[in-house]
Amino acid sequence: MVVGSDISRYPNTPRPTCRGYLHKRTQSAILKGWRKRWFVLKHNGYLHYYKHKKDEGKCRPLEVTKLEGAEIGVDTSLGKPFVFKCIPQSGHRIFYFCATSNQEMKRWLEAMDKAVHP
C-alpha cells in the first residue's frame, strides 16, 4: 500500500481523490453522537477513515468501505445542516457524515459519486 507520504518516492501513484475531516455519526450501544474523523477516498473506490489526519500512512484505518454500487445522498432526517449518508452495497450499515459547509459536502458527494459509478 502506498500512502500520501510515499508519493515523492512513487511519483506515478495516484493521489487520493478526496481527503479531509468529516464528522461521522456514532450509533454504537455505548456511544451516540458525532465523532470527527479523517477520511481518505482512494482512486480504487475505497473509503478509509482514521481517528486523526496524522494516522494516515502510520496506522491501519479504523475501517475501509467499498463505495462501488453504494447509495449516497443528502440527508435531512437528522435536522442538521450538511449531512449526507452512504449505504454501501453490502447494506450492513448506514454511514452518516456531516461536513463543515455546503461546499465541502458537495465536494465529498461528487467524489463519492465517481467512486459509486466508476
PDB file of N, CA and C in Angstrom:
ATOM      1  N   MET A   1       0.846  -1.186   0.000  1.00  0.00           N
ATOM      2  CA  MET A   1       0.000   0.000   0.000  1.00  0.00           C
ATOM      3  C   MET A   1       0.885   1.241   0.000  1.00  0.00           C
ATOM      4  N   VAL A   2       0.581   2.169  -0.865  1.00  0.00           N
ATOM      5  CA  VAL A   2       1.329   3.416  -0.936  1.00  0.00           C
ATOM      6  C   VAL A   2       0.451   4.520  -0.379  1.00  0.00           C
ATOM      7  N   VAL A   3       0.985   5.296   0.532  1.00  0.00           N
ATOM      8  CA  VAL A   3       0.208   6.359   1.160  1.00  0.00           C
ATOM      9  C   VAL A   3       0.756   7.713   0.762  1.00  0.00           C
ATOM     10  N   GLY A   4       0.034   8.769   1.163  1.00  0.00           N
ATOM     11  CA  GLY A   4       0.382  10.125   0.766  1.00  0.00           C
ATOM     12  C   GLY A   4       1.826  10.500   1.005  1.00  0.00           C
ATOM     13  N   SER A   5       2.404  10.075   2.107  1.00  0.00           N
ATOM     14  CA  SER A   5       3.768  10.463   2.425  1.00  0.00           C
ATOM     15  C   SER A   5       4.788   9.779   1.518  1.00  0.00           C
ATOM     16  N   ASP A   6       4.379   8.728   0.811  1.00  0.00           N
ATOM     17  CA  ASP A   6       5.293   7.999  -0.069  1.00  0.00           C
ATOM     18  C   ASP A   6       5.253   8.507  -1.511  1.00  0.00           C
ATOM     19  N   ILE A   7       4.454   9.523  -1.789  1.00  0.00           N
ATOM     20  CA  ILE A   7       4.261   9.962  -3.164  1.00  0.00           C
ATOM     21  C   ILE A   7       5.562  10.433  -3.798  1.00  0.00           C
ATOM     22  N   SER A   8       6.431  11.088  -3.031  1.00  0.00           N
ATOM     23  CA  SER A   8       7.686  11.557  -3.624  1.00  0.00           C
ATOM     24  C   SER A   8       8.545  10.381  -4.094  1.00  0.00           C
ATOM     25  N   ARG A   9       8.461   9.268  -3.403  1.00  0.00           N
ATOM     26  CA  ARG A   9       9.224   8.083  -3.800  1.00  0.00           C
ATOM     27  C   ARG A   9       8.543   7.322  -4.932  1.00  0.00           C
ATOM     28  N   TYR A  10       7.230   7.475  -5.040  1.00  0.00           N
ATOM     29  CA  TYR A  10       6.455   6.784  -6.070  1.00  0.00           C
ATOM     30  C   TYR A  10       5.614   7.825  -6.813  1.00  0.00           C
ATOM     31  N   PRO A  11       6.245   8.627  -7.690  1.00  0.00           N
ATOM     32  CA  PRO A  11       5.535   9.745  -8.307  1.00  0.00           C
ATOM     33  C   PRO A  11       4.361   9.351  -9.204  1.00  0.00           C
ATOM     34  N   ASN A  12       4.308   8.117  -9.679  1.00  0.00           N
ATOM     35  CA  ASN A  12       3.206   7.703 -10.548  1.00  0.00           C
ATOM     36  C   ASN A  12       1.994   7.183  -9.778  1.00  0.00           C
ATOM     37  N   THR A  13       2.084   7.160  -8.460  1.00  0.00           N
ATOM     38  CA  THR A  13       0.970   6.711  -7.633  1.00  0.00           C
ATOM     39  C   THR A  13      -0.100   7.797  -7.609  1.00  0.00           C
ATOM     40  N   PRO A  14      -1.345   7.447  -7.945  1.00  0.00           N
ATOM     41  CA  PRO A  14      -2.382   8.488  -7.927  1.00  0.00           C
ATOM     42  C   PRO A  14      -2.659   8.971  -6.503  1.00  0.00           C
ATOM     43  N   ARG A  15      -2.856  10.251  -6.383  1.00  0.00           N
ATOM     44  CA  ARG A  15      -3.219  10.820  -5.078  1.00  0.00           C
ATOM     45  C   ARG A  15      -4.668  10.423  -4.776  1.00  0.00           C
ATOM     46  N   PRO A  16      -5.035  10.378  -3.505  1.00  0.00           N
ATOM     47  CA  PRO A  16      -6.438  10.102  -3.181  1.00  0.00           C
ATOM     48  C   PRO A  16      -7.339  11.124  -3.880  1.00  0.00           C
ATOM     49  N   THR A  17      -8.538  10.707  -4.265  1.00  0.00           N
ATOM     50  CA  THR A  17      -9.439  11.616  -4.965  1.00  0.00           C
ATOM     51  C   THR A  17     -10.021  12.658  -4.021  1.00  0.00           C
ATOM     52  N   CYS A  18     -10.133  12.340  -2.746  1.00  0.00           N
ATOM     53  CA  CYS A  18     -10.692  13.279  -1.777  1.00  0.00           C
ATOM     54  C   CYS A  18     -10.191  12.889  -0.394  1.00  0.00           C
ATOM     55  N   ARG A  19      -9.873  13.900   0.407  1.00  0.00           N
ATOM     56  CA  ARG A  19      -9.474  13.622   1.788  1.00  0.00           C
ATOM     57  C   ARG A  19      -9.808  14.837   2.640  1.00  0.00           C
ATOM     58  N   GLY A  20     -10.065  14.570   3.911  1.00  0.00           N
ATOM     59  CA  GLY A  20     -10.368  15.663   4.823  1.00  0.00           C
ATOM     60  C   GLY A  20     -11.149  15.180   6.022  1.00  0.00           C
ATOM     61  N   TYR A  21     -11.378  16.108   6.932  1.00  0.00           N
ATOM     62  CA  TYR A  21     -12.146  15.777   8.133  1.00  0.00           C
ATOM     63  C   TYR A  21     -13.645  15.863   7.853  1.00  0.00           C
ATOM     64  N   LEU A  22     -14.360  14.891   8.368  1.00  0.00           N
ATOM     65  CA  LEU A  22     -15.820  14.883   8.386  1.00  0.00           C
ATOM     66  C   LEU A  22     -16.228  14.403   9.772  1.00  0.00           C
ATOM     67  N   HIS A  23     -17.428  14.750  10.189  1.00  0.00           N
ATOM     68  CA  HIS A  23     -17.968  14.173  11.420  1.00  0.00           C
ATOM     69  C   HIS A  23     -18.797  12.958  11.016  1.00  0.00           C
ATOM     70  N   LYS A  24     -18.558  11.842  11.687  1.00  0.00           N
ATOM     71  CA  LYS A  24     -19.262  10.586  11.407  1.00  0.00           C
ATOM     72  C   LYS A  24     -20.179  10.287  12.574  1.00  0.00           C
ATOM     73  N   ARG A  25     -21.411   9.953  12.269  1.00  0.00           N
ATOM     74  CA  ARG A  25     -22.371   9.639  13.329  1.00  0.00           C
ATOM     75  C   ARG A  25     -22.034   8.289  13.941  1.00  0.00           C
ATOM     76  N   THR A  26     -21.991   8.258  15.255  1.00  0.00           N
ATOM     77  CA  THR A  26     -21.705   7.040  16.004  1.00  0.00           C
ATOM     78  C   THR A  26     -23.019   6.503  16.559  1.00  0.00           C
ATOM     79  N   GLN A  27     -23.271   5.236  16.320  1.00  0.00           N
ATOM     80  CA  GLN A  27     -24.522   4.627  16.749  1.00  0.00           C
ATOM     81  C   GLN A  27     -24.289   3.320  17.504  1.00  0.00           C
ATOM     82  N   SER A  28     -23.203   3.252  18.254  1.00  0.00           N
ATOM     83  CA  SER A  28     -22.954   2.013  18.993  1.00  0.00           C
ATOM     84  C   SER A  28     -23.861   1.966  20.222  1.00  0.00           C
ATOM     85  N   ALA A  29     -23.866   0.829  20.878  1.00  0.00           N
ATOM     86  CA  ALA A  29     -24.712   0.672  22.063  1.00  0.00           C
ATOM     87  C   ALA A  29     -24.285   1.610  23.187  1.00  0.00           C
ATOM     88  N   ILE A  30     -22.995   1.932  23.241  1.00  0.00           N
ATOM     89  CA  ILE A  30     -22.463   2.762  24.327  1.00  0.00           C
ATOM     90  C   ILE A  30     -22.391   4.230  23.925  1.00  0.00           C
ATOM     91  N   LEU A  31     -21.805   4.482  22.741  1.00  0.00           N
ATOM     92  CA  LEU A  31     -21.597   5.853  22.285  1.00  0.00           C
ATOM     93  C   LEU A  31     -22.632   6.261  21.252  1.00  0.00           C
ATOM     94  N   LYS A  32     -23.147   7.468  21.399  1.00  0.00           N
ATOM     95  CA  LYS A  32     -24.030   8.038  20.392  1.00  0.00           C
ATOM     96  C   LYS A  32     -23.603   9.482  20.195  1.00  0.00           C
ATOM     97  N   GLY A  33     -23.691   9.951  18.969  1.00  0.00           N
ATOM     98  CA  GLY A  33     -23.298  11.315  18.686  1.00  0.00           C
ATOM     99  C   GLY A  33     -22.438  11.389  17.441  1.00  0.00           C
ATOM    100  N   TRP A  34     -21.619  12.423  17.346  1.00  0.00           N
ATOM    101  CA  TRP A  34     -20.791  12.665  16.165  1.00  0.00           C
ATOM    102  C   TRP A  34     -19.336  12.687  16.554  1.00  0.00           C
ATOM    103  N   ARG A  35     -18.484  12.026  15.769  1.00  0.00           N
ATOM    104  CA  ARG A  35     -17.044  11.982  16.017  1.00  0.00           C
ATOM    105  C   ARG A  35     -16.315  12.525  14.792  1.00  0.00           C
ATOM    106  N   LYS A  36     -15.371  13.396  15.027  1.00  0.00           N
ATOM    107  CA  LYS A  36     -14.560  13.948  13.947  1.00  0.00           C
ATOM    108  C   LYS A  36     -13.533  12.894  13.535  1.00  0.00           C
ATOM    109  N   ARG A  37     -13.505  12.565  12.233  1.00  0.00           N
ATOM    110  CA  ARG A  37     -12.591  11.554  11.715  1.00  0.00           C
ATOM    111  C   ARG A  37     -11.959  12.049  10.414  1.00  0.00           C
ATOM    112  N   TRP A  38     -10.772  11.553  10.110  1.00  0.00           N
ATOM    113  CA  TRP A  38     -10.042  11.886   8.890  1.00  0.00           C
ATOM    114  C   TRP A  38     -10.391  10.843   7.831  1.00  0.00           C
ATOM    115  N   PHE A  39     -10.993  11.291   6.724  1.00  0.00           N
ATOM    116  CA  PHE A  39     -11.425  10.393   5.656  1.00  0.00           C
ATOM    117  C   PHE A  39     -10.541  10.539   4.428  1.00  0.00           C
ATOM    118  N   VAL A  40     -10.275   9.412   3.784  1.00  0.00           N
ATOM    119  CA  VAL A  40      -9.473   9.382   2.560  1.00  0.00           C
ATOM    120  C   VAL A  40     -10.209   8.494   1.565  1.00  0.00           C
ATOM    121  N   LEU A  41     -10.624   9.092   0.442  1.00  0.00           N
ATOM    122  CA  LEU A  41     -11.260   8.332  -0.620  1.00  0.00           C
ATOM    123  C   LEU A  41     -10.205   8.051  -1.680  1.00  0.00           C
ATOM    124  N   LYS A  42      -9.884   6.783  -1.855  1.00  0.00           N
ATOM    125  CA  LYS A  42      -8.821   6.364  -2.779  1.00  0.00           C
ATOM    126  C   LYS A  42      -9.371   6.221  -4.202  1.00  0.00           C
ATOM    127  N   HIS A  43      -8.441   6.219  -5.182  1.00  0.00           N
ATOM    128  CA  HIS A  43      -8.825   6.063  -6.586  1.00  0.00           C
ATOM    129  C   HIS A  43      -9.503   4.726  -6.855  1.00  0.00           C
ATOM    130  N   ASN A  44      -9.233   3.732  -6.031  1.00  0.00           N
ATOM    131  CA  ASN A  44      -9.838   2.412  -6.248  1.00  0.00           C
ATOM    132  C   ASN A  44     -11.276   2.332  -5.725  1.00  0.00           C
ATOM    133  N   GLY A  45     -11.810   3.463  -5.229  1.00  0.00           N
ATOM    134  CA  GLY A  45     -13.198   3.494  -4.780  1.00  0.00           C
ATOM    135  C   GLY A  45     -13.406   3.059  -3.343  1.00  0.00           C
ATOM    136  N   TYR A  46     -12.326   2.935  -2.582  1.00  0.00           N
ATOM    137  CA  TYR A  46     -12.445   2.557  -1.172  1.00  0.00           C
ATOM    138  C   TYR A  46     -12.300   3.785  -0.292  1.00  0.00           C
ATOM    139  N   LEU A  47     -13.186   3.897   0.669  1.00  0.00           N
ATOM    140  CA  LEU A  47     -13.160   4.995   1.626  1.00  0.00           C
ATOM    141  C   LEU A  47     -12.509   4.489   2.913  1.00  0.00           C
ATOM    142  N   HIS A  48     -11.413   5.118   3.298  1.00  0.00           N
ATOM    143  CA  HIS A  48     -10.696   4.768   4.521  1.00  0.00           C
ATOM    144  C   HIS A  48     -10.962   5.874   5.532  1.00  0.00           C
ATOM    145  N   TYR A  49     -11.023   5.519   6.817  1.00  0.00           N
ATOM    146  CA  TYR A  49     -11.047   6.601   7.787  1.00  0.00           C
ATOM    147  C   TYR A  49     -10.202   6.276   8.998  1.00  0.00           C
ATOM    148  N   TYR A  50      -9.694   7.355   9.560  1.00  0.00           N
ATOM    149  CA  TYR A  50      -8.740   7.298  10.675  1.00  0.00           C
ATOM    150  C   TYR A  50      -9.233   8.215  11.779  1.00  0.00           C
ATOM    151  N   LYS A  51      -8.689   8.009  12.972  1.00  0.00           N
ATOM    152  CA  LYS A  51      -9.038   8.872  14.090  1.00  0.00           C
ATOM    153  C   LYS A  51      -8.525  10.298  13.856  1.00  0.00           C
ATOM    154  N   HIS A  52      -7.282  10.412  13.348  1.00  0.00           N
ATOM    155  CA  HIS A  52      -6.654  11.716  13.135  1.00  0.00           C
ATOM    156  C   HIS A  52      -5.942  11.740  11.789  1.00  0.00           C
ATOM    157  N   LYS A  53      -5.727  12.940  11.251  1.00  0.00           N
ATOM    158  CA  LYS A  53      -5.008  13.116   9.987  1.00  0.00           C
ATOM    159  C   LYS A  53      -3.619  12.479  10.050  1.00  0.00           C
ATOM    160  N   LYS A  54      -2.943  12.641  11.178  1.00  0.00           N
ATOM    161  CA  LYS A  54      -1.571  12.136  11.324  1.00  0.00           C
ATOM    162  C   LYS A  54      -1.504  10.603  11.284  1.00  0.00           C
ATOM    163  N   ASP A  55      -2.637   9.931  11.463  1.00  0.00           N
ATOM    164  CA  ASP A  55      -2.663   8.464  11.448  1.00  0.00           C
ATOM    165  C   ASP A  55      -2.584   7.887  10.033  1.00  0.00           C
ATOM    166  N   GLU A  56      -2.955   8.686   9.021  1.00  0.00           N
ATOM    167  CA  GLU A  56      -2.922   8.198   7.641  1.00  0.00           C
ATOM    168  C   GLU A  56      -1.489   7.819   7.277  1.00  0.00           C
ATOM    169  N   GLY A  57      -1.307   6.584   6.874  1.00  0.00           N
ATOM    170  CA  GLY A  57       0.016   6.114   6.498  1.00  0.00           C
ATOM    171  C   GLY A  57       0.833   5.565   7.654  1.00  0.00           C
ATOM    172  N   LYS A  58       0.409   5.832   8.880  1.00  0.00           N
ATOM    173  CA  LYS A  58       1.138   5.326  10.053  1.00  0.00           C
ATOM    174  C   LYS A  58       0.375   4.223  10.762  1.00  0.00           C
ATOM    175  N   CYS A  59      -0.946   4.302  10.723  1.00  0.00           N
ATOM    176  CA  CYS A  59      -1.792   3.315  11.402  1.00  0.00           C
ATOM    177  C   CYS A  59      -2.735   2.690  10.377  1.00  0.00           C
ATOM    178  N   ARG A  60      -3.271   1.554  10.755  1.00  0.00           N
ATOM    179  CA  ARG A  60      -4.306   0.949   9.927  1.00  0.00           C
ATOM    180  C   ARG A  60      -5.562   1.807  10.038  1.00  0.00           C
ATOM    181  N   PRO A  61      -6.340   1.908   8.952  1.00  0.00           N
ATOM    182  CA  PRO A  61      -7.591   2.675   9.049  1.00  0.00           C
ATOM    183  C   PRO A  61      -8.537   2.015  10.048  1.00  0.00           C
ATOM    184  N   LEU A  62      -9.388   2.811  10.658  1.00  0.00           N
ATOM    185  CA  LEU A  62     -10.395   2.269  11.576  1.00  0.00           C
ATOM    186  C   LEU A  62     -11.378   1.398  10.793  1.00  0.00           C
ATOM    187  N   GLU A  63     -11.620   1.788   9.538  1.00  0.00           N
ATOM    188  CA  GLU A  63     -12.495   0.995   8.678  1.00  0.00           C
ATOM    189  C   GLU A  63     -12.221   1.348   7.223  1.00  0.00           C
ATOM    190  N   VAL A  64     -12.451   0.387   6.341  1.00  0.00           N
ATOM    191  CA  VAL A  64     -12.325   0.585   4.901  1.00  0.00           C
ATOM    192  C   VAL A  64     -13.637   0.107   4.288  1.00  0.00           C
ATOM    193  N   THR A  65     -14.255   0.959   3.471  1.00  0.00           N
ATOM    194  CA  THR A  65     -15.545   0.631   2.874  1.00  0.00           C
ATOM    195  C   THR A  65     -15.485   0.801   1.365  1.00  0.00           C
ATOM    196  N   LYS A  66     -15.956  -0.203   0.646  1.00  0.00           N
ATOM    197  CA  LYS A  66     -16.025  -0.137  -0.809  1.00  0.00           C
ATOM    198  C   LYS A  66     -17.267   0.672  -1.187  1.00  0.00           C
ATOM    199  N   LEU A  67     -17.075   1.731  -2.016  1.00  0.00           N
ATOM    200  CA  LEU A  67     -18.196   2.590  -2.375  1.00  0.00           C
ATOM    201  C   LEU A  67     -18.895   2.190  -3.666  1.00  0.00           C
ATOM    202  N   GLU A  68     -18.256   1.361  -4.500  1.00  0.00           N
ATOM    203  CA  GLU A  68     -18.875   0.983  -5.767  1.00  0.00           C
ATOM    204  C   GLU A  68     -20.254   0.378  -5.521  1.00  0.00           C
ATOM    205  N   GLY A  69     -21.261   0.935  -6.196  1.00  0.00           N
ATOM    206  CA  GLY A  69     -22.624   0.443  -6.049  1.00  0.00           C
ATOM    207  C   GLY A  69     -23.349   0.957  -4.825  1.00  0.00           C
ATOM    208  N   ALA A  70     -22.706   1.779  -4.015  1.00  0.00           N
ATOM    209  CA  ALA A  70     -23.342   2.310  -2.804  1.00  0.00           C
ATOM    210  C   ALA A  70     -24.401   3.348  -3.165  1.00  0.00           C
ATOM    211  N   GLU A  71     -25.264   3.615  -2.211  1.00  0.00           N
ATOM    212  CA  GLU A  71     -26.274   4.657  -2.362  1.00  0.00           C
ATOM    213  C   GLU A  71     -25.807   5.843  -1.524  1.00  0.00           C
ATOM    214  N   ILE A  72     -25.664   7.001  -2.151  1.00  0.00           N
ATOM    215  CA  ILE A  72     -25.228   8.191  -1.414  1.00  0.00           C
ATOM    216  C   ILE A  72     -26.188   9.340  -1.685  1.00  0.00           C
ATOM    217  N   GLY A  73     -26.250  10.268  -0.754  1.00  0.00           N
ATOM    218  CA  GLY A  73     -27.096  11.436  -0.968  1.00  0.00           C
ATOM    219  C   GLY A  73     -27.231  12.278   0.278  1.00  0.00           C
ATOM    220  N   VAL A  74     -27.786  13.464   0.088  1.00  0.00           N
ATOM    221  CA  VAL A  74     -28.027  14.397   1.188  1.00  0.00           C
ATOM    222  C   VAL A  74     -29.086  13.795   2.101  1.00  0.00           C
ATOM    223  N   ASP A  75     -28.960  14.043   3.392  1.00  0.00           N
ATOM    224  CA  ASP A  75     -29.929  13.519   4.360  1.00  0.00           C
ATOM    225  C   ASP A  75     -30.407  14.662   5.243  1.00  0.00           C
ATOM    226  N   THR A  76     -31.712  14.878   5.277  1.00  0.00           N
ATOM    227  CA  THR A  76     -32.276  15.949   6.114  1.00  0.00           C
ATOM    228  C   THR A  76     -33.006  15.404   7.341  1.00  0.00           C
ATOM    229  N   SER A  77     -33.031  14.081   7.498  1.00  0.00           N
ATOM    230  CA  SER A  77     -33.814  13.465   8.576  1.00  0.00           C
ATOM    231  C   SER A  77     -33.255  13.737   9.976  1.00  0.00           C
ATOM    232  N   LEU A  78     -31.970  14.104  10.068  1.00  0.00           N
ATOM    233  CA  LEU A  78     -31.358  14.293  11.386  1.00  0.00           C
ATOM    234  C   LEU A  78     -31.432  15.737  11.878  1.00  0.00           C
ATOM    235  N   GLY A  79     -31.960  16.638  11.041  1.00  0.00           N
ATOM    236  CA  GLY A  79     -32.144  18.022  11.459  1.00  0.00           C
ATOM    237  C   GLY A  79     -30.860  18.824  11.585  1.00  0.00           C
ATOM    238  N   LYS A  80     -29.778  18.353  10.963  1.00  0.00           N
ATOM    239  CA  LYS A  80     -28.506  19.067  10.975  1.00  0.00           C
ATOM    240  C   LYS A  80     -28.170  19.470   9.547  1.00  0.00           C
ATOM    241  N   PRO A  81     -27.521  20.623   9.377  1.00  0.00           N
ATOM    242  CA  PRO A  81     -27.122  21.001   8.016  1.00  0.00           C
ATOM    243  C   PRO A  81     -25.886  20.212   7.563  1.00  0.00           C
ATOM    244  N   PHE A  82     -25.728  20.088   6.243  1.00  0.00           N
ATOM    245  CA  PHE A  82     -24.550  19.494   5.594  1.00  0.00           C
ATOM    246  C   PHE A  82     -24.355  18.018   5.918  1.00  0.00           C
ATOM    247  N   VAL A  83     -25.467  17.314   6.163  1.00  0.00           N
ATOM    248  CA  VAL A  83     -25.396  15.879   6.460  1.00  0.00           C
ATOM    249  C   VAL A  83     -25.689  15.097   5.186  1.00  0.00           C
ATOM    250  N   PHE A  84     -24.888  14.064   4.946  1.00  0.00           N
ATOM    251  CA  PHE A  84     -25.149  13.157   3.840  1.00  0.00           C
ATOM    252  C   PHE A  84     -24.893  11.739   4.326  1.00  0.00           C
ATOM    253  N   LYS A  85     -25.483  10.789   3.595  1.00  0.00           N
ATOM    254  CA  LYS A  85     -25.359   9.397   4.030  1.00  0.00           C
ATOM    255  C   LYS A  85     -24.810   8.544   2.911  1.00  0.00           C
ATOM    256  N   CYS A  86     -24.292   7.411   3.313  1.00  0.00           N
ATOM    257  CA  CYS A  86     -23.743   6.429   2.383  1.00  0.00           C
ATOM    258  C   CYS A  86     -24.201   5.053   2.852  1.00  0.00           C
ATOM    259  N   ILE A  87     -24.850   4.341   1.939  1.00  0.00           N
ATOM    260  CA  ILE A  87     -25.278   2.971   2.234  1.00  0.00           C
ATOM    261  C   ILE A  87     -24.510   2.062   1.280  1.00  0.00           C
ATOM    262  N   PRO A  88     -23.436   1.420   1.775  1.00  0.00           N
ATOM    263  CA  PRO A  88     -22.653   0.521   0.911  1.00  0.00           C
ATOM    264  C   PRO A  88     -23.521  -0.614   0.379  1.00  0.00           C
ATOM    265  N   GLN A  89     -23.103  -1.191  -0.745  1.00  0.00           N
ATOM    266  CA  GLN A  89     -23.865  -2.253  -1.396  1.00  0.00           C
ATOM    267  C   GLN A  89     -24.092  -3.440  -0.466  1.00  0.00           C
ATOM    268  N   SER A  90     -23.139  -3.687   0.437  1.00  0.00           N
ATOM    269  CA  SER A  90     -23.302  -4.794   1.384  1.00  0.00           C
ATOM    270  C   SER A  90     -24.538  -4.568   2.258  1.00  0.00           C
ATOM    271  N   GLY A  91     -24.900  -3.289   2.472  1.00  0.00           N
ATOM    272  CA  GLY A  91     -26.122  -2.956   3.198  1.00  0.00           C
ATOM    273  C   GLY A  91     -26.100  -3.237   4.687  1.00  0.00           C
ATOM    274  N   HIS A  92     -24.928  -3.555   5.239  1.00  0.00           N
ATOM    275  CA  HIS A  92     -24.873  -3.904   6.656  1.00  0.00           C
ATOM    276  C   HIS A  92     -25.054  -2.698   7.573  1.00  0.00           C
ATOM    277  N   ARG A  93     -24.713  -1.495   7.081  1.00  0.00           N
ATOM    278  CA  ARG A  93     -24.883  -0.319   7.920  1.00  0.00           C
ATOM    279  C   ARG A  93     -25.023   0.917   7.048  1.00  0.00           C
ATOM    280  N   ILE A  94     -25.474   1.978   7.680  1.00  0.00           N
ATOM    281  CA  ILE A  94     -25.592   3.271   7.003  1.00  0.00           C
ATOM    282  C   ILE A  94     -24.603   4.214   7.663  1.00  0.00           C
ATOM    283  N   PHE A  95     -23.788   4.877   6.849  1.00  0.00           N
ATOM    284  CA  PHE A  95     -22.867   5.884   7.363  1.00  0.00           C
ATOM    285  C   PHE A  95     -23.518   7.249   7.204  1.00  0.00           C
ATOM    286  N   TYR A  96     -23.512   8.033   8.277  1.00  0.00           N
ATOM    287  CA  TYR A  96     -23.958   9.419   8.214  1.00  0.00           C
ATOM    288  C   TYR A  96     -22.740  10.300   8.429  1.00  0.00           C
ATOM    289  N   PHE A  97     -22.555  11.251   7.508  1.00  0.00           N
ATOM    290  CA  PHE A  97     -21.427  12.175   7.588  1.00  0.00           C
ATOM    291  C   PHE A  97     -21.951  13.591   7.686  1.00  0.00           C
ATOM    292  N   CYS A  98     -21.196  14.441   8.368  1.00  0.00           N
ATOM    293  CA  CYS A  98     -21.549  15.854   8.464  1.00  0.00           C
ATOM    294  C   CYS A  98     -20.324  16.669   8.068  1.00  0.00           C
ATOM    295  N   ALA A  99     -20.479  17.494   7.029  1.00  0.00           N
ATOM    296  CA  ALA A  99     -19.402  18.366   6.559  1.00  0.00           C
ATOM    297  C   ALA A  99     -19.512  19.719   7.267  1.00  0.00           C
ATOM    298  N   THR A 100     -18.486  20.530   7.112  1.00  0.00           N
ATOM    299  CA  THR A 100     -18.470  21.832   7.778  1.00  0.00           C
ATOM    300  C   THR A 100     -19.170  22.924   6.966  1.00  0.00           C
ATOM    301  N   SER A 101     -19.438  22.652   5.680  1.00  0.00           N
ATOM    302  CA  SER A 101     -20.104  23.646   4.836  1.00  0.00           C
ATOM    303  C   SER A 101     -20.800  22.928   3.681  1.00  0.00           C
ATOM    304  N   ASN A 102     -21.666  23.659   3.004  1.00  0.00           N
ATOM    305  CA  ASN A 102     -22.352  23.101   1.842  1.00  0.00           C
ATOM    306  C   ASN A 102     -21.348  22.791   0.731  1.00  0.00           C
ATOM    307  N   GLN A 103     -20.356  23.655   0.572  1.00  0.00           N
ATOM    308  CA  GLN A 103     -19.315  23.460  -0.454  1.00  0.00           C
ATOM    309  C   GLN A 103     -18.530  22.182  -0.170  1.00  0.00           C
ATOM    310  N   GLU A 104     -18.168  21.966   1.087  1.00  0.00           N
ATOM    311  CA  GLU A 104     -17.421  20.764   1.487  1.00  0.00           C
ATOM    312  C   GLU A 104     -18.276  19.510   1.266  1.00  0.00           C
ATOM    313  N   MET A 105     -19.552  19.598   1.605  1.00  0.00           N
ATOM    314  CA  MET A 105     -20.455  18.461   1.400  1.00  0.00           C
ATOM    315  C   MET A 105     -20.541  18.118  -0.087  1.00  0.00           C
ATOM    316  N   LYS A 106     -20.681  19.141  -0.940  1.00  0.00           N
ATOM    317  CA  LYS A 106     -20.767  18.907  -2.386  1.00  0.00           C
ATOM    318  C   LYS A 106     -19.479  18.285  -2.915  1.00  0.00           C
ATOM    319  N   ARG A 107     -18.330  18.722  -2.403  1.00  0.00           N
ATOM    320  CA  ARG A 107     -17.043  18.166  -2.827  1.00  0.00           C
ATOM    321  C   ARG A 107     -16.991  16.662  -2.535  1.00  0.00           C
ATOM    322  N   TRP A 108     -17.419  16.268  -1.343  1.00  0.00           N
ATOM    323  CA  TRP A 108     -17.420  14.854  -0.975  1.00  0.00           C
ATOM    324  C   TRP A 108     -18.446  14.065  -1.783  1.00  0.00           C
ATOM    325  N   LEU A 109     -19.639  14.622  -1.963  1.00  0.00           N
ATOM    326  CA  LEU A 109     -20.677  13.906  -2.722  1.00  0.00           C
ATOM    327  C   LEU A 109     -20.248  13.673  -4.165  1.00  0.00           C
ATOM    328  N   GLU A 110     -19.593  14.664  -4.790  1.00  0.00           N
ATOM    329  CA  GLU A 110     -19.117  14.497  -6.156  1.00  0.00           C
ATOM    330  C   GLU A 110     -18.045  13.420  -6.238  1.00  0.00           C
ATOM    331  N   ALA A 111     -17.089  13.450  -5.301  1.00  0.00           N
ATOM    332  CA  ALA A 111     -16.024  12.445  -5.296  1.00  0.00           C
ATOM    333  C   ALA A 111     -16.585  11.053  -5.033  1.00  0.00           C
ATOM    334  N   MET A 112     -17.503  10.960  -4.089  1.00  0.00           N
ATOM    335  CA  MET A 112     -18.107   9.656  -3.774  1.00  0.00           C
ATOM    336  C   MET A 112     -18.943   9.142  -4.944  1.00  0.00           C
ATOM    337  N   ASP A 113     -19.643  10.040  -5.617  1.00  0.00           N
ATOM    338  CA  ASP A 113     -20.465   9.636  -6.753  1.00  0.00           C
ATOM    339  C   ASP A 113     -19.607   8.997  -7.847  1.00  0.00           C
ATOM    340  N   LYS A 114     -18.400   9.538  -8.065  1.00  0.00           N
ATOM    341  CA  LYS A 114     -17.480   8.957  -9.054  1.00  0.00           C
ATOM    342  C   LYS A 114     -17.013   7.564  -8.615  1.00  0.00           C
ATOM    343  N   ALA A 115     -16.871   7.363  -7.314  1.00  0.00           N
ATOM    344  CA  ALA A 115     -16.459   6.051  -6.791  1.00  0.00           C
ATOM    345  C   ALA A 115     -17.617   5.044  -6.858  1.00  0.00           C
ATOM    346  N   VAL A 116     -18.837   5.541  -6.682  1.00  0.00           N
ATOM    347  CA  VAL A 116     -20.017   4.682  -6.723  1.00  0.00           C
ATOM    348  C   VAL A 116     -20.254   4.164  -8.146  1.00  0.00           C
ATOM    349  N   HIS A 117     -20.009   5.036  -9.132  1.00  0.00           N
ATOM    350  CA  HIS A 117     -20.233   4.688 -10.548  1.00  0.00           C
ATOM    351  C   HIS A 117     -18.915   4.818 -11.312  1.00  0.00           C
ATOM    352  N   PRO A 118     -17.982   3.877 -11.143  1.00  0.00           N
ATOM    353  CA  PRO A 118     -16.662   4.012 -11.793  1.00  0.00           C
ATOM    354  C   PRO A 118     -16.752   3.900 -13.320  1.00  0.00           C
TER     355      PRO A 118
END
